[in-house]
Amino acid sequence: MTPDDDAFAVCCAVPIDAEGITVVARAAGRPGEEAAVFSKHYGQTTGVVLFENVFRAS
């Protein structure tokens, strides 16, 4: 992200198995594209976290 994105940046930590959380992930980049190589040892993915009904009234 760049400074122009500061109004839209969000950072948080969520347990991967939290109720109401779904992570949709896929391999990052295009196969064979050198710019997409982050690590030759570990896999690289990009994902979207879907929050569903996580704010519940007490």
PDB file of N, CA and C in Angstrom:
ATOM      1  N   MET A   1       0.841  -1.177   0.000  1.00  0.00           N
ATOM      2  CA  MET A   1       0.000   0.000   0.000  1.00  0.00           C
ATOM      3  C   MET A   1       0.886   1.240   0.000  1.00  0.00           C
ATOM      4  N   THR A   2       0.326   2.335  -0.426  1.00  0.00           N
ATOM      5  CA  THR A   2       1.050   3.595  -0.479  1.00  0.00           C
ATOM      6  C   THR A   2       0.382   4.600   0.462  1.00  0.00           C
ATOM      7  N   PRO A   3       1.022   5.738   0.718  1.00  0.00           N
ATOM      8  CA  PRO A   3       0.389   6.750   1.566  1.00  0.00           C
ATOM      9  C   PRO A   3      -0.979   7.204   1.038  1.00  0.00           C
ATOM     10  N   ASP A   4      -1.199   7.099  -0.260  1.00  0.00           N
ATOM     11  CA  ASP A   4      -2.511   7.470  -0.826  1.00  0.00           C
ATOM     12  C   ASP A   4      -3.616   6.523  -0.382  1.00  0.00           C
ATOM     13  N   ASP A   5      -3.239   5.352   0.117  1.00  0.00           N
ATOM     14  CA  ASP A   5      -4.221   4.350   0.538  1.00  0.00           C
ATOM     15  C   ASP A   5      -4.537   4.416   2.025  1.00  0.00           C
ATOM     16  N   ASP A   6      -4.004   5.395   2.752  1.00  0.00           N
ATOM     17  CA  ASP A   6      -4.128   5.395   4.212  1.00  0.00           C
ATOM     18  C   ASP A   6      -5.565   5.452   4.713  1.00  0.00           C
ATOM     19  N   ALA A   7      -6.481   6.009   3.948  1.00  0.00           N
ATOM     20  CA  ALA A   7      -7.881   6.059   4.379  1.00  0.00           C
ATOM     21  C   ALA A   7      -8.553   4.691   4.274  1.00  0.00           C
ATOM     22  N   PHE A   8      -7.910   3.757   3.589  1.00  0.00           N
ATOM     23  CA  PHE A   8      -8.522   2.454   3.346  1.00  0.00           C
ATOM     24  C   PHE A   8      -7.759   1.309   3.993  1.00  0.00           C
ATOM     25  N   ALA A   9      -6.629   1.576   4.606  1.00  0.00           N
ATOM     26  CA  ALA A   9      -5.793   0.524   5.182  1.00  0.00           C
ATOM     27  C   ALA A   9      -6.373   0.038   6.504  1.00  0.00           C
ATOM     28  N   VAL A  10      -6.418  -1.269   6.672  1.00  0.00           N
ATOM     29  CA  VAL A  10      -6.885  -1.893   7.903  1.00  0.00           C
ATOM     30  C   VAL A  10      -5.897  -2.986   8.268  1.00  0.00           C
ATOM     31  N   CYS A  11      -5.572  -3.069   9.532  1.00  0.00           N
ATOM     32  CA  CYS A  11      -4.663  -4.113   9.996  1.00  0.00           C
ATOM     33  C   CYS A  11      -5.276  -4.753  11.228  1.00  0.00           C
ATOM     34  N   CYS A  12      -5.296  -6.071  11.270  1.00  0.00           N
ATOM     35  CA  CYS A  12      -5.824  -6.761  12.436  1.00  0.00           C
ATOM     36  C   CYS A  12      -5.285  -8.188  12.453  1.00  0.00           C
ATOM     37  N   ALA A  13      -5.447  -8.831  13.578  1.00  0.00           N
ATOM     38  CA  ALA A  13      -5.085 -10.240  13.714  1.00  0.00           C
ATOM     39  C   ALA A  13      -6.339 -10.996  14.137  1.00  0.00           C
ATOM     40  N   VAL A  14      -6.610 -12.093  13.443  1.00  0.00           N
ATOM     41  CA  VAL A  14      -7.809 -12.883  13.703  1.00  0.00           C
ATOM     42  C   VAL A  14      -7.419 -14.353  13.740  1.00  0.00           C
ATOM     43  N   PRO A  15      -7.879 -15.100  14.740  1.00  0.00           N
ATOM     44  CA  PRO A  15      -7.589 -16.541  14.734  1.00  0.00           C
ATOM     45  C   PRO A  15      -8.150 -17.187  13.465  1.00  0.00           C
ATOM     46  N   ILE A  16      -7.372 -18.036  12.846  1.00  0.00           N
ATOM     47  CA  ILE A  16      -7.766 -18.643  11.577  1.00  0.00           C
ATOM     48  C   ILE A  16      -9.038 -19.486  11.699  1.00  0.00           C
ATOM     49  N   ASP A  17      -9.307 -19.992  12.907  1.00  0.00           N
ATOM     50  CA  ASP A  17     -10.492 -20.832  13.097  1.00  0.00           C
ATOM     51  C   ASP A  17     -11.626 -20.101  13.813  1.00  0.00           C
ATOM     52  N   ALA A  18     -11.611 -18.772  13.816  1.00  0.00           N
ATOM     53  CA  ALA A  18     -12.660 -18.000  14.477  1.00  0.00           C
ATOM     54  C   ALA A  18     -13.992 -18.207  13.765  1.00  0.00           C
ATOM     55  N   GLU A  19     -15.046 -18.290  14.554  1.00  0.00           N
ATOM     56  CA  GLU A  19     -16.384 -18.468  14.000  1.00  0.00           C
ATOM     57  C   GLU A  19     -16.759 -17.243  13.160  1.00  0.00           C
ATOM     58  N   GLY A  20     -17.325 -17.462  11.981  1.00  0.00           N
ATOM     59  CA  GLY A  20     -17.745 -16.383  11.103  1.00  0.00           C
ATOM     60  C   GLY A  20     -16.655 -15.868  10.175  1.00  0.00           C
ATOM     61  N   ILE A  21     -15.482 -16.522  10.188  1.00  0.00           N
ATOM     62  CA  ILE A  21     -14.368 -16.113   9.341  1.00  0.00           C
ATOM     63  C   ILE A  21     -14.156 -17.158   8.251  1.00  0.00           C
ATOM     64  N   THR A  22     -14.051 -16.701   7.013  1.00  0.00           N
ATOM     65  CA  THR A  22     -13.711 -17.569   5.891  1.00  0.00           C
ATOM     66  C   THR A  22     -12.540 -16.938   5.153  1.00  0.00           C
ATOM     67  N   VAL A  23     -11.503 -17.724   4.890  1.00  0.00           N
ATOM     68  CA  VAL A  23     -10.348 -17.238   4.137  1.00  0.00           C
ATOM     69  C   VAL A  23     -10.384 -17.879   2.750  1.00  0.00           C
ATOM     70  N   VAL A  24     -10.417 -17.041   1.726  1.00  0.00           N
ATOM     71  CA  VAL A  24     -10.385 -17.507   0.340  1.00  0.00           C
ATOM     72  C   VAL A  24      -9.002 -17.157  -0.192  1.00  0.00           C
ATOM     73  N   ALA A  25      -8.221 -18.172  -0.572  1.00  0.00           N
ATOM     74  CA  ALA A  25      -6.844 -17.932  -0.991  1.00  0.00           C
ATOM     75  C   ALA A  25      -6.548 -18.624  -2.318  1.00  0.00           C
ATOM     76  N   ARG A  26      -5.525 -18.108  -2.989  1.00  0.00           N
ATOM     77  CA  ARG A  26      -5.065 -18.718  -4.233  1.00  0.00           C
ATOM     78  C   ARG A  26      -3.574 -18.423  -4.370  1.00  0.00           C
ATOM     79  N   ALA A  27      -2.946 -19.146  -5.234  1.00  0.00           N
ATOM     80  CA  ALA A  27      -1.525 -18.885  -5.490  1.00  0.00           C
ATOM     81  C   ALA A  27      -1.359 -17.466  -6.022  1.00  0.00           C
ATOM     82  N   ALA A  28      -0.311 -16.781  -5.590  1.00  0.00           N
ATOM     83  CA  ALA A  28      -0.084 -15.396  -6.011  1.00  0.00           C
ATOM     84  C   ALA A  28       0.669 -15.344  -7.334  1.00  0.00           C
ATOM     85  N   GLY A  29       0.411 -14.312  -8.097  1.00  0.00           N
ATOM     86  CA  GLY A  29       1.130 -14.097  -9.351  1.00  0.00           C
ATOM     87  C   GLY A  29       0.721 -15.074 -10.433  1.00  0.00           C
ATOM     88  N   ARG A  30       1.399 -14.967 -11.547  1.00  0.00           N
ATOM     89  CA  ARG A  30       1.166 -15.863 -12.674  1.00  0.00           C
ATOM     90  C   ARG A  30       2.332 -16.835 -12.766  1.00  0.00           C
ATOM     91  N   PRO A  31       2.059 -18.099 -13.020  1.00  0.00           N
ATOM     92  CA  PRO A  31       3.147 -19.077 -13.121  1.00  0.00           C
ATOM     93  C   PRO A  31       4.224 -18.619 -14.101  1.00  0.00           C
ATOM     94  N   GLY A  32       5.469 -18.705 -13.663  1.00  0.00           N
ATOM     95  CA  GLY A  32       6.584 -18.345 -14.517  1.00  0.00           C
ATOM     96  C   GLY A  32       6.919 -16.867 -14.545  1.00  0.00           C
ATOM     97  N   GLU A  33       6.104 -16.047 -13.918  1.00  0.00           N
ATOM     98  CA  GLU A  33       6.346 -14.610 -13.905  1.00  0.00           C
ATOM     99  C   GLU A  33       7.366 -14.290 -12.817  1.00  0.00           C
ATOM    100  N   GLU A  34       8.539 -13.821 -13.209  1.00  0.00           N
ATOM    101  CA  GLU A  34       9.627 -13.588 -12.252  1.00  0.00           C
ATOM    102  C   GLU A  34       9.233 -12.604 -11.153  1.00  0.00           C
ATOM    103  N   ALA A  35       8.437 -11.580 -11.483  1.00  0.00           N
ATOM    104  CA  ALA A  35       8.036 -10.590 -10.482  1.00  0.00           C
ATOM    105  C   ALA A  35       7.169 -11.198  -9.389  1.00  0.00           C
ATOM    106  N   ALA A  36       6.546 -12.338  -9.657  1.00  0.00           N
ATOM    107  CA  ALA A  36       5.659 -12.965  -8.685  1.00  0.00           C
ATOM    108  C   ALA A  36       6.414 -13.847  -7.700  1.00  0.00           C
ATOM    109  N   VAL A  37       7.699 -14.084  -7.933  1.00  0.00           N
ATOM    110  CA  VAL A  37       8.466 -14.974  -7.051  1.00  0.00           C
ATOM    111  C   VAL A  37       8.893 -14.214  -5.802  1.00  0.00           C
ATOM    112  N   PHE A  38       8.351 -14.614  -4.672  1.00  0.00           N
ATOM    113  CA  PHE A  38       8.713 -14.026  -3.383  1.00  0.00           C
ATOM    114  C   PHE A  38       9.741 -14.899  -2.689  1.00  0.00           C
ATOM    115  N   SER A  39       9.551 -16.195  -2.812  1.00  0.00           N
ATOM    116  CA  SER A  39      10.446 -17.138  -2.155  1.00  0.00           C
ATOM    117  C   SER A  39      10.511 -18.406  -2.981  1.00  0.00           C
ATOM    118  N   LYS A  40      11.705 -18.913  -3.180  1.00  0.00           N
ATOM    119  CA  LYS A  40      11.843 -20.184  -3.886  1.00  0.00           C
ATOM    120  C   LYS A  40      11.720 -21.364  -2.922  1.00  0.00           C
ATOM    121  N   HIS A  41      11.659 -21.067  -1.616  1.00  0.00           N
ATOM    122  CA  HIS A  41      11.563 -22.123  -0.610  1.00  0.00           C
ATOM    123  C   HIS A  41      10.132 -22.291  -0.086  1.00  0.00           C
ATOM    124  N   TYR A  42       9.430 -21.189   0.100  1.00  0.00           N
ATOM    125  CA  TYR A  42       8.071 -21.230   0.644  1.00  0.00           C
ATOM    126  C   TYR A  42       7.062 -20.831  -0.416  1.00  0.00           C
ATOM    127  N   GLY A  43       5.843 -21.309  -0.272  1.00  0.00           N
ATOM    128  CA  GLY A  43       4.784 -20.939  -1.192  1.00  0.00           C
ATOM    129  C   GLY A  43       4.349 -19.500  -0.978  1.00  0.00           C
ATOM    130  N   GLN A  44       3.716 -18.945  -1.955  1.00  0.00           N
ATOM    131  CA  GLN A  44       3.235 -17.570  -1.873  1.00  0.00           C
ATOM    132  C   GLN A  44       1.771 -17.560  -2.270  1.00  0.00           C
ATOM    133  N   THR A  45       0.933 -16.951  -1.444  1.00  0.00           N
ATOM    134  CA  THR A  45      -0.492 -16.872  -1.743  1.00  0.00           C
ATOM    135  C   THR A  45      -0.998 -15.463  -1.496  1.00  0.00           C
ATOM    136  N   THR A  46      -2.148 -15.207  -2.026  1.00  0.00           N
ATOM    137  CA  THR A  46      -2.867 -13.977  -1.731  1.00  0.00           C
ATOM    138  C   THR A  46      -4.268 -14.406  -1.301  1.00  0.00           C
ATOM    139  N   GLY A  47      -4.858 -13.674  -0.405  1.00  0.00           N
ATOM    140  CA  GLY A  47      -6.157 -14.103   0.093  1.00  0.00           C
ATOM    141  C   GLY A  47      -7.058 -12.945   0.484  1.00  0.00           C
ATOM    142  N   VAL A  48      -8.304 -13.291   0.660  1.00  0.00           N
ATOM    143  CA  VAL A  48      -9.323 -12.360   1.114  1.00  0.00           C
ATOM    144  C   VAL A  48      -9.974 -12.995   2.341  1.00  0.00           C
ATOM    145  N   VAL A  49     -10.157 -12.207   3.393  1.00  0.00           N
ATOM    146  CA  VAL A  49     -10.810 -12.697   4.600  1.00  0.00           C
ATOM    147  C   VAL A  49     -12.243 -12.172   4.589  1.00  0.00           C
ATOM    148  N   LEU A  50     -13.199 -13.093   4.672  1.00  0.00           N
ATOM    149  CA  LEU A  50     -14.616 -12.723   4.701  1.00  0.00           C
ATOM    150  C   LEU A  50     -15.098 -12.789   6.148  1.00  0.00           C
ATOM    151  N   PHE A  51     -15.635 -11.701   6.646  1.00  0.00           N
ATOM    152  CA  PHE A  51     -16.184 -11.618   7.996  1.00  0.00           C
ATOM    153  C   PHE A  51     -17.703 -11.705   7.879  1.00  0.00           C
ATOM    154  N   GLU A  52     -18.298 -12.730   8.474  1.00  0.00           N
ATOM    155  CA  GLU A  52     -19.732 -12.924   8.369  1.00  0.00           C
ATOM    156  C   GLU A  52     -20.341 -13.033   9.761  1.00  0.00           C
ATOM    157  N   ASN A  53     -21.213 -12.108  10.079  1.00  0.00           N
ATOM    158  CA  ASN A  53     -21.916 -12.111  11.375  1.00  0.00           C
ATOM    159  C   ASN A  53     -20.939 -12.193  12.555  1.00  0.00           C
ATOM    160  N   VAL A  54     -19.890 -11.420  12.516  1.00  0.00           N
ATOM    161  CA  VAL A  54     -18.918 -11.463  13.597  1.00  0.00           C
ATOM    162  C   VAL A  54     -19.236 -10.466  14.713  1.00  0.00           C
ATOM    163  N   PHE A  55     -20.096  -9.508  14.449  1.00  0.00           N
ATOM    164  CA  PHE A  55     -20.503  -8.550  15.471  1.00  0.00           C
ATOM    165  C   PHE A  55     -21.858  -8.974  15.998  1.00  0.00           C
ATOM    166  N   ARG A  56     -21.860  -9.523  17.169  1.00  0.00           N
ATOM    167  CA  ARG A  56     -23.097 -10.047  17.752  1.00  0.00           C
ATOM    168  C   ARG A  56     -23.490  -9.224  18.960  1.00  0.00           C
ATOM    169  N   ALA A  57     -24.771  -8.975  19.097  1.00  0.00           N
ATOM    170  CA  ALA A  57     -25.260  -8.253  20.273  1.00  0.00           C
ATOM    171  C   ALA A  57     -25.138  -9.150  21.494  1.00  0.00           C
ATOM    172  N   SER A  58     -24.758  -8.570  22.608  1.00  0.00           N
ATOM    173  CA  SER A  58     -24.627  -9.398  23.825  1.00  0.00           C
ATOM    174  C   SER A  58     -25.878  -9.373  24.650  1.00  0.00           C
TER     175      SER A  58
END
